[in-house]
């Protein structure tokens, strides 16, 4: 893997874990919901974020690609946290920054790693074709 691919992967992982930690703290300690139980709020907000965990840790490009779509609702949640005025605005800003880091890192890793895998497959295919047949 190239240095850019590794940097994008680390950016995606940093954004992912920061967002997960923020959501867990946001809904349990910093500003717990008043109209629904905390467990229901965590199930709605944090459980979808746990779905791509294995693929992200294993560095799968396909998982990074669809995780970029998963980051978008969390961006909207951060914007609502900043503009809504119900919670301290810094919580929303951290959600925005972490979801943008997750999005950019996941898209960058999926794109760069996809190109690397395609180049390796092309090189393996051309090497296979140039062998003399017995």
N, C-alpha and C. Protein backbone atom coordinates (compact mmCIF):
# COMPACT_ATOMS: atom_id res chain seq x y z
N UNK A 1 0.83 -1.18 0.00
CA UNK A 1 0.00 0.00 0.00
C UNK A 1 0.88 1.25 0.00
N UNK A 2 0.40 2.25 -0.68
CA UNK A 2 1.15 3.50 -0.73
C UNK A 2 0.92 4.31 0.54
N UNK A 3 1.72 5.33 0.72
CA UNK A 3 1.60 6.17 1.91
C UNK A 3 0.28 6.93 1.93
N UNK A 4 -0.20 7.34 0.77
CA UNK A 4 -1.49 8.04 0.70
C UNK A 4 -2.64 7.12 1.09
N UNK A 5 -2.57 5.88 0.67
CA UNK A 5 -3.61 4.91 1.01
C UNK A 5 -3.64 4.67 2.51
N UNK A 6 -2.47 4.52 3.10
CA UNK A 6 -2.38 4.30 4.54
C UNK A 6 -2.88 5.53 5.30
N UNK A 7 -2.55 6.71 4.82
CA UNK A 7 -3.01 7.95 5.47
C UNK A 7 -4.53 8.06 5.41
N UNK A 8 -5.11 7.72 4.27
CA UNK A 8 -6.57 7.77 4.15
C UNK A 8 -7.23 6.75 5.07
N UNK A 9 -6.63 5.59 5.19
CA UNK A 9 -7.20 4.56 6.08
C UNK A 9 -7.15 5.03 7.53
N UNK A 10 -6.03 5.62 7.95
CA UNK A 10 -5.92 6.11 9.32
C UNK A 10 -6.87 7.28 9.57
N UNK A 11 -7.08 8.12 8.56
CA UNK A 11 -8.04 9.22 8.70
C UNK A 11 -9.45 8.68 8.88
N UNK A 12 -9.80 7.66 8.09
CA UNK A 12 -11.12 7.05 8.22
C UNK A 12 -11.30 6.40 9.59
N UNK A 13 -10.29 5.68 10.05
CA UNK A 13 -10.39 5.03 11.36
C UNK A 13 -10.46 6.05 12.49
N UNK A 14 -9.67 7.11 12.39
CA UNK A 14 -9.70 8.15 13.42
C UNK A 14 -11.08 8.83 13.47
N UNK A 15 -11.62 9.17 12.31
CA UNK A 15 -12.95 9.76 12.26
C UNK A 15 -14.02 8.82 12.78
N UNK A 16 -13.88 7.54 12.46
CA UNK A 16 -14.85 6.54 12.90
C UNK A 16 -14.86 6.42 14.42
N UNK A 17 -13.69 6.21 15.00
CA UNK A 17 -13.64 6.00 16.45
C UNK A 17 -13.95 7.28 17.23
N UNK A 18 -13.58 8.44 16.70
CA UNK A 18 -13.94 9.70 17.34
C UNK A 18 -15.46 9.89 17.31
N UNK A 19 -16.07 9.59 16.19
CA UNK A 19 -17.52 9.73 16.07
C UNK A 19 -18.24 8.75 16.99
N UNK A 20 -17.76 7.51 17.04
CA UNK A 20 -18.39 6.52 17.92
C UNK A 20 -18.26 6.93 19.38
N UNK A 21 -17.08 7.36 19.80
CA UNK A 21 -16.89 7.80 21.18
C UNK A 21 -17.75 9.02 21.50
N UNK A 22 -17.83 9.95 20.55
CA UNK A 22 -18.65 11.14 20.77
C UNK A 22 -20.11 10.78 20.96
N UNK A 23 -20.63 9.91 20.10
CA UNK A 23 -22.04 9.55 20.19
C UNK A 23 -22.36 8.84 21.51
N UNK A 24 -21.47 7.94 21.91
CA UNK A 24 -21.70 7.24 23.17
C UNK A 24 -21.70 8.21 24.35
N UNK A 25 -20.77 9.16 24.34
CA UNK A 25 -20.72 10.15 25.42
C UNK A 25 -21.84 11.17 25.32
N UNK A 26 -22.20 11.55 24.11
CA UNK A 26 -23.24 12.54 23.89
C UNK A 26 -24.57 12.06 24.47
N UNK A 27 -24.94 10.82 24.15
CA UNK A 27 -26.25 10.32 24.54
C UNK A 27 -26.29 9.66 25.91
N UNK A 28 -25.15 9.49 26.56
CA UNK A 28 -25.18 8.92 27.90
C UNK A 28 -24.78 9.93 28.98
N UNK A 29 -23.87 10.84 28.67
CA UNK A 29 -23.32 11.68 29.72
C UNK A 29 -23.45 13.17 29.42
N UNK A 30 -23.07 13.62 28.23
CA UNK A 30 -23.03 15.06 27.94
C UNK A 30 -24.41 15.68 27.82
N UNK A 31 -25.30 15.07 27.06
CA UNK A 31 -26.66 15.61 26.88
C UNK A 31 -27.62 14.46 26.62
N UNK A 32 -27.97 13.70 27.65
CA UNK A 32 -28.86 12.55 27.44
C UNK A 32 -30.25 13.01 27.00
N UNK A 33 -30.91 12.18 26.21
CA UNK A 33 -32.26 12.56 25.75
C UNK A 33 -33.25 12.55 26.91
N UNK A 34 -34.26 13.40 26.80
CA UNK A 34 -35.26 13.50 27.86
C UNK A 34 -36.58 12.82 27.50
N UNK A 35 -36.86 12.65 26.21
CA UNK A 35 -38.16 12.11 25.80
C UNK A 35 -38.14 10.61 25.51
N UNK A 36 -36.97 10.04 25.31
CA UNK A 36 -36.85 8.61 25.05
C UNK A 36 -35.77 8.04 25.97
N UNK A 37 -35.84 6.74 26.25
CA UNK A 37 -34.77 6.15 27.06
C UNK A 37 -33.42 6.23 26.36
N UNK A 38 -32.37 6.29 27.15
CA UNK A 38 -31.01 6.40 26.60
C UNK A 38 -30.69 5.19 25.73
N UNK A 39 -31.14 4.00 26.14
CA UNK A 39 -30.85 2.79 25.36
C UNK A 39 -31.47 2.85 23.98
N UNK A 40 -32.65 3.40 23.86
CA UNK A 40 -33.30 3.52 22.55
C UNK A 40 -32.55 4.53 21.68
N UNK A 41 -32.17 5.64 22.26
CA UNK A 41 -31.41 6.64 21.50
C UNK A 41 -30.08 6.08 21.03
N UNK A 42 -29.39 5.34 21.89
CA UNK A 42 -28.12 4.72 21.48
C UNK A 42 -28.33 3.67 20.41
N UNK A 43 -29.40 2.91 20.51
CA UNK A 43 -29.68 1.89 19.49
C UNK A 43 -29.93 2.53 18.13
N UNK A 44 -30.61 3.64 18.12
CA UNK A 44 -30.91 4.32 16.85
C UNK A 44 -29.67 4.99 16.27
N UNK A 45 -28.86 5.60 17.13
CA UNK A 45 -27.75 6.41 16.66
C UNK A 45 -26.44 5.64 16.55
N UNK A 46 -26.11 4.81 17.51
CA UNK A 46 -24.78 4.20 17.54
C UNK A 46 -24.71 2.83 16.89
N UNK A 47 -25.78 2.06 16.92
CA UNK A 47 -25.72 0.69 16.37
C UNK A 47 -25.43 0.68 14.87
N UNK A 48 -26.02 1.56 14.05
CA UNK A 48 -25.66 1.53 12.63
C UNK A 48 -24.18 1.79 12.38
N UNK A 49 -23.55 2.52 13.27
CA UNK A 49 -22.13 2.81 13.13
C UNK A 49 -21.27 1.59 13.44
N UNK A 50 -21.82 0.62 14.15
CA UNK A 50 -21.07 -0.59 14.47
C UNK A 50 -21.03 -1.59 13.31
N UNK A 51 -21.93 -1.46 12.35
CA UNK A 51 -22.01 -2.42 11.24
C UNK A 51 -20.72 -2.53 10.42
N UNK A 52 -20.05 -1.44 10.06
CA UNK A 52 -18.85 -1.58 9.23
C UNK A 52 -17.56 -1.80 10.01
N UNK A 53 -17.62 -2.00 11.32
CA UNK A 53 -16.42 -2.05 12.14
C UNK A 53 -15.43 -3.12 11.67
N UNK A 54 -15.90 -4.33 11.43
CA UNK A 54 -14.99 -5.41 11.04
C UNK A 54 -14.30 -5.12 9.70
N UNK A 55 -15.07 -4.66 8.73
CA UNK A 55 -14.49 -4.36 7.43
C UNK A 55 -13.50 -3.20 7.46
N UNK A 56 -13.79 -2.21 8.30
CA UNK A 56 -12.85 -1.09 8.43
C UNK A 56 -11.55 -1.54 9.07
N UNK A 57 -11.65 -2.38 10.10
CA UNK A 57 -10.44 -2.84 10.77
C UNK A 57 -9.61 -3.76 9.87
N UNK A 58 -10.27 -4.49 8.98
CA UNK A 58 -9.55 -5.38 8.07
C UNK A 58 -9.09 -4.68 6.79
N UNK A 59 -9.47 -3.42 6.61
CA UNK A 59 -9.00 -2.65 5.46
C UNK A 59 -9.66 -3.02 4.15
N UNK A 60 -10.92 -3.38 4.17
CA UNK A 60 -11.63 -3.76 2.95
C UNK A 60 -12.12 -2.50 2.24
N UNK A 61 -11.77 -2.40 0.98
CA UNK A 61 -12.11 -1.20 0.21
C UNK A 61 -13.62 -1.06 0.03
N UNK A 62 -14.32 -2.17 -0.18
CA UNK A 62 -15.78 -2.12 -0.37
C UNK A 62 -16.47 -1.58 0.88
N UNK A 63 -16.02 -2.00 2.05
CA UNK A 63 -16.61 -1.51 3.29
C UNK A 63 -16.35 -0.02 3.46
N UNK A 64 -15.15 0.41 3.12
CA UNK A 64 -14.87 1.85 3.19
C UNK A 64 -15.77 2.63 2.24
N UNK A 65 -16.05 2.06 1.08
CA UNK A 65 -16.88 2.76 0.11
C UNK A 65 -18.29 2.99 0.64
N UNK A 66 -18.92 1.95 1.18
CA UNK A 66 -20.28 2.18 1.66
C UNK A 66 -20.33 2.86 3.01
N UNK A 67 -19.24 2.83 3.76
CA UNK A 67 -19.21 3.56 5.02
C UNK A 67 -19.22 5.07 4.77
N UNK A 68 -18.72 5.48 3.61
CA UNK A 68 -18.77 6.92 3.30
C UNK A 68 -20.22 7.41 3.24
N UNK A 69 -21.14 6.56 2.78
CA UNK A 69 -22.55 6.94 2.78
C UNK A 69 -23.11 6.98 4.20
N UNK A 70 -22.59 6.11 5.05
CA UNK A 70 -23.05 6.05 6.43
C UNK A 70 -22.63 7.30 7.22
N UNK A 71 -21.59 7.96 6.79
CA UNK A 71 -21.11 9.15 7.50
C UNK A 71 -22.02 10.36 7.28
N UNK A 72 -22.79 10.37 6.23
CA UNK A 72 -23.59 11.55 5.90
C UNK A 72 -24.70 11.87 6.92
N UNK A 73 -25.46 10.88 7.43
CA UNK A 73 -26.45 11.24 8.46
C UNK A 73 -25.82 11.79 9.74
N UNK A 74 -24.61 11.34 10.05
CA UNK A 74 -23.94 11.85 11.24
C UNK A 74 -23.47 13.28 11.03
N UNK A 75 -23.16 13.64 9.80
CA UNK A 75 -22.87 15.03 9.48
C UNK A 75 -24.11 15.88 9.72
N UNK A 76 -25.25 15.39 9.24
CA UNK A 76 -26.51 16.11 9.45
C UNK A 76 -26.85 16.22 10.94
N UNK A 77 -26.55 15.17 11.70
CA UNK A 77 -26.77 15.21 13.15
C UNK A 77 -25.89 16.28 13.80
N UNK A 78 -24.66 16.41 13.32
CA UNK A 78 -23.78 17.45 13.84
C UNK A 78 -24.26 18.85 13.49
N UNK A 79 -24.73 19.02 12.26
CA UNK A 79 -25.27 20.33 11.86
C UNK A 79 -26.49 20.67 12.70
N UNK A 80 -27.33 19.68 12.96
CA UNK A 80 -28.48 19.92 13.82
C UNK A 80 -28.05 20.26 15.24
N UNK A 81 -26.99 19.63 15.70
CA UNK A 81 -26.48 19.94 17.04
C UNK A 81 -25.94 21.35 17.15
N UNK A 82 -25.35 21.84 16.07
CA UNK A 82 -24.83 23.21 16.08
C UNK A 82 -25.97 24.22 15.93
N UNK A 83 -26.87 23.99 15.01
CA UNK A 83 -27.92 24.95 14.69
C UNK A 83 -29.12 24.85 15.62
N UNK A 84 -29.31 23.67 16.24
CA UNK A 84 -30.50 23.47 17.06
C UNK A 84 -30.52 24.25 18.35
N UNK A 85 -29.37 24.46 18.94
CA UNK A 85 -29.30 25.25 20.16
C UNK A 85 -29.71 24.50 21.41
N UNK A 86 -30.05 23.21 21.31
CA UNK A 86 -30.46 22.44 22.47
C UNK A 86 -29.24 21.98 23.26
N UNK A 87 -28.21 21.57 22.57
CA UNK A 87 -26.99 21.05 23.19
C UNK A 87 -25.89 22.10 23.09
N UNK A 88 -24.80 21.90 23.80
CA UNK A 88 -23.65 22.79 23.59
C UNK A 88 -23.16 22.66 22.13
N UNK A 89 -22.89 23.76 21.46
CA UNK A 89 -22.54 23.68 20.04
C UNK A 89 -21.24 22.94 19.75
N UNK A 90 -20.33 22.84 20.71
CA UNK A 90 -19.07 22.15 20.43
C UNK A 90 -19.30 20.67 20.16
N UNK A 91 -20.36 20.08 20.72
CA UNK A 91 -20.66 18.67 20.45
C UNK A 91 -20.98 18.49 18.97
N UNK A 92 -21.77 19.40 18.44
CA UNK A 92 -22.11 19.34 17.02
C UNK A 92 -20.90 19.55 16.13
N UNK A 93 -20.01 20.46 16.54
CA UNK A 93 -18.80 20.71 15.74
C UNK A 93 -17.89 19.48 15.72
N UNK A 94 -17.77 18.81 16.84
CA UNK A 94 -16.95 17.59 16.87
C UNK A 94 -17.58 16.52 16.00
N UNK A 95 -18.90 16.41 16.01
CA UNK A 95 -19.59 15.45 15.15
C UNK A 95 -19.37 15.78 13.68
N UNK A 96 -19.41 17.04 13.34
CA UNK A 96 -19.18 17.45 11.95
C UNK A 96 -17.76 17.11 11.52
N UNK A 97 -16.78 17.47 12.33
CA UNK A 97 -15.38 17.22 11.98
C UNK A 97 -15.10 15.73 11.87
N UNK A 98 -15.60 14.95 12.81
CA UNK A 98 -15.33 13.51 12.76
C UNK A 98 -16.06 12.83 11.60
N UNK A 99 -17.26 13.25 11.28
CA UNK A 99 -17.96 12.63 10.15
C UNK A 99 -17.33 13.04 8.82
N UNK A 100 -16.82 14.25 8.72
CA UNK A 100 -16.12 14.65 7.49
C UNK A 100 -14.80 13.90 7.37
N UNK A 101 -14.10 13.69 8.48
CA UNK A 101 -12.87 12.89 8.45
C UNK A 101 -13.17 11.46 8.04
N UNK A 102 -14.24 10.89 8.58
CA UNK A 102 -14.63 9.53 8.20
C UNK A 102 -14.98 9.46 6.73
N UNK A 103 -15.76 10.42 6.25
CA UNK A 103 -16.17 10.44 4.85
C UNK A 103 -14.97 10.57 3.91
N UNK A 104 -14.13 11.57 4.16
CA UNK A 104 -12.98 11.81 3.27
C UNK A 104 -11.99 10.65 3.32
N UNK A 105 -11.72 10.14 4.51
CA UNK A 105 -10.80 9.01 4.62
C UNK A 105 -11.33 7.76 3.96
N UNK A 106 -12.63 7.48 4.13
CA UNK A 106 -13.21 6.29 3.53
C UNK A 106 -13.25 6.38 2.01
N UNK A 107 -13.63 7.53 1.49
CA UNK A 107 -13.66 7.70 0.03
C UNK A 107 -12.26 7.63 -0.55
N UNK A 108 -11.32 8.29 0.09
CA UNK A 108 -9.94 8.27 -0.39
C UNK A 108 -9.35 6.87 -0.35
N UNK A 109 -9.58 6.14 0.73
CA UNK A 109 -9.04 4.79 0.83
C UNK A 109 -9.68 3.87 -0.20
N UNK A 110 -11.00 3.94 -0.36
CA UNK A 110 -11.67 3.08 -1.32
C UNK A 110 -11.17 3.35 -2.74
N UNK A 111 -10.98 4.60 -3.05
CA UNK A 111 -10.51 4.95 -4.40
C UNK A 111 -9.07 4.50 -4.63
N UNK A 112 -8.18 4.83 -3.70
CA UNK A 112 -6.77 4.48 -3.88
C UNK A 112 -6.54 2.98 -3.80
N UNK A 113 -7.18 2.33 -2.85
CA UNK A 113 -6.99 0.89 -2.70
C UNK A 113 -7.60 0.14 -3.88
N UNK A 114 -8.72 0.63 -4.40
CA UNK A 114 -9.31 0.02 -5.59
C UNK A 114 -8.38 0.10 -6.79
N UNK A 115 -7.73 1.24 -6.95
CA UNK A 115 -6.76 1.38 -8.04
C UNK A 115 -5.57 0.45 -7.85
N UNK A 116 -5.10 0.32 -6.61
CA UNK A 116 -3.96 -0.58 -6.34
C UNK A 116 -4.33 -2.03 -6.63
N UNK A 117 -5.52 -2.44 -6.19
CA UNK A 117 -5.95 -3.82 -6.44
C UNK A 117 -6.16 -4.09 -7.93
N UNK A 118 -6.67 -3.09 -8.64
CA UNK A 118 -6.86 -3.24 -10.08
C UNK A 118 -5.51 -3.34 -10.79
N UNK A 119 -4.55 -2.55 -10.36
CA UNK A 119 -3.22 -2.62 -10.97
C UNK A 119 -2.56 -3.96 -10.69
N UNK A 120 -2.73 -4.49 -9.49
CA UNK A 120 -2.16 -5.80 -9.17
C UNK A 120 -2.83 -6.90 -9.99
N UNK A 121 -4.15 -6.80 -10.18
CA UNK A 121 -4.85 -7.80 -10.99
C UNK A 121 -4.44 -7.71 -12.45
N UNK A 122 -4.24 -6.51 -12.95
CA UNK A 122 -3.81 -6.33 -14.33
C UNK A 122 -2.40 -6.88 -14.51
N UNK A 123 -1.53 -6.60 -13.55
CA UNK A 123 -0.16 -7.11 -13.63
C UNK A 123 -0.14 -8.63 -13.55
N UNK A 124 -0.97 -9.20 -12.70
CA UNK A 124 -1.02 -10.66 -12.59
C UNK A 124 -1.61 -11.27 -13.85
N UNK A 125 -2.57 -10.61 -14.45
CA UNK A 125 -3.17 -11.11 -15.69
C UNK A 125 -2.22 -11.05 -16.86
N UNK A 126 -1.46 -9.97 -16.97
CA UNK A 126 -0.51 -9.86 -18.08
C UNK A 126 0.67 -10.80 -17.87
N UNK A 127 1.04 -11.05 -16.64
CA UNK A 127 2.11 -12.00 -16.37
C UNK A 127 1.67 -13.41 -16.72
N UNK A 128 0.41 -13.70 -16.46
CA UNK A 128 -0.11 -15.03 -16.78
C UNK A 128 -0.20 -15.25 -18.28
N UNK A 129 -0.52 -14.19 -19.03
CA UNK A 129 -0.64 -14.31 -20.48
C UNK A 129 0.71 -14.45 -21.17
N UNK A 130 1.77 -13.92 -20.60
CA UNK A 130 3.09 -13.96 -21.26
C UNK A 130 3.85 -15.26 -21.01
N UNK A 131 3.33 -16.13 -20.17
CA UNK A 131 4.01 -17.40 -19.93
C UNK A 131 3.88 -18.30 -21.16
N UNK A 132 4.93 -18.99 -21.51
CA UNK A 132 4.80 -19.93 -22.62
C UNK A 132 3.95 -21.12 -22.23
N UNK A 133 3.17 -21.59 -23.17
CA UNK A 133 2.30 -22.73 -22.89
C UNK A 133 3.08 -24.03 -23.09
N UNK A 134 2.80 -24.96 -22.23
CA UNK A 134 3.51 -26.26 -22.31
C UNK A 134 2.83 -27.20 -23.26
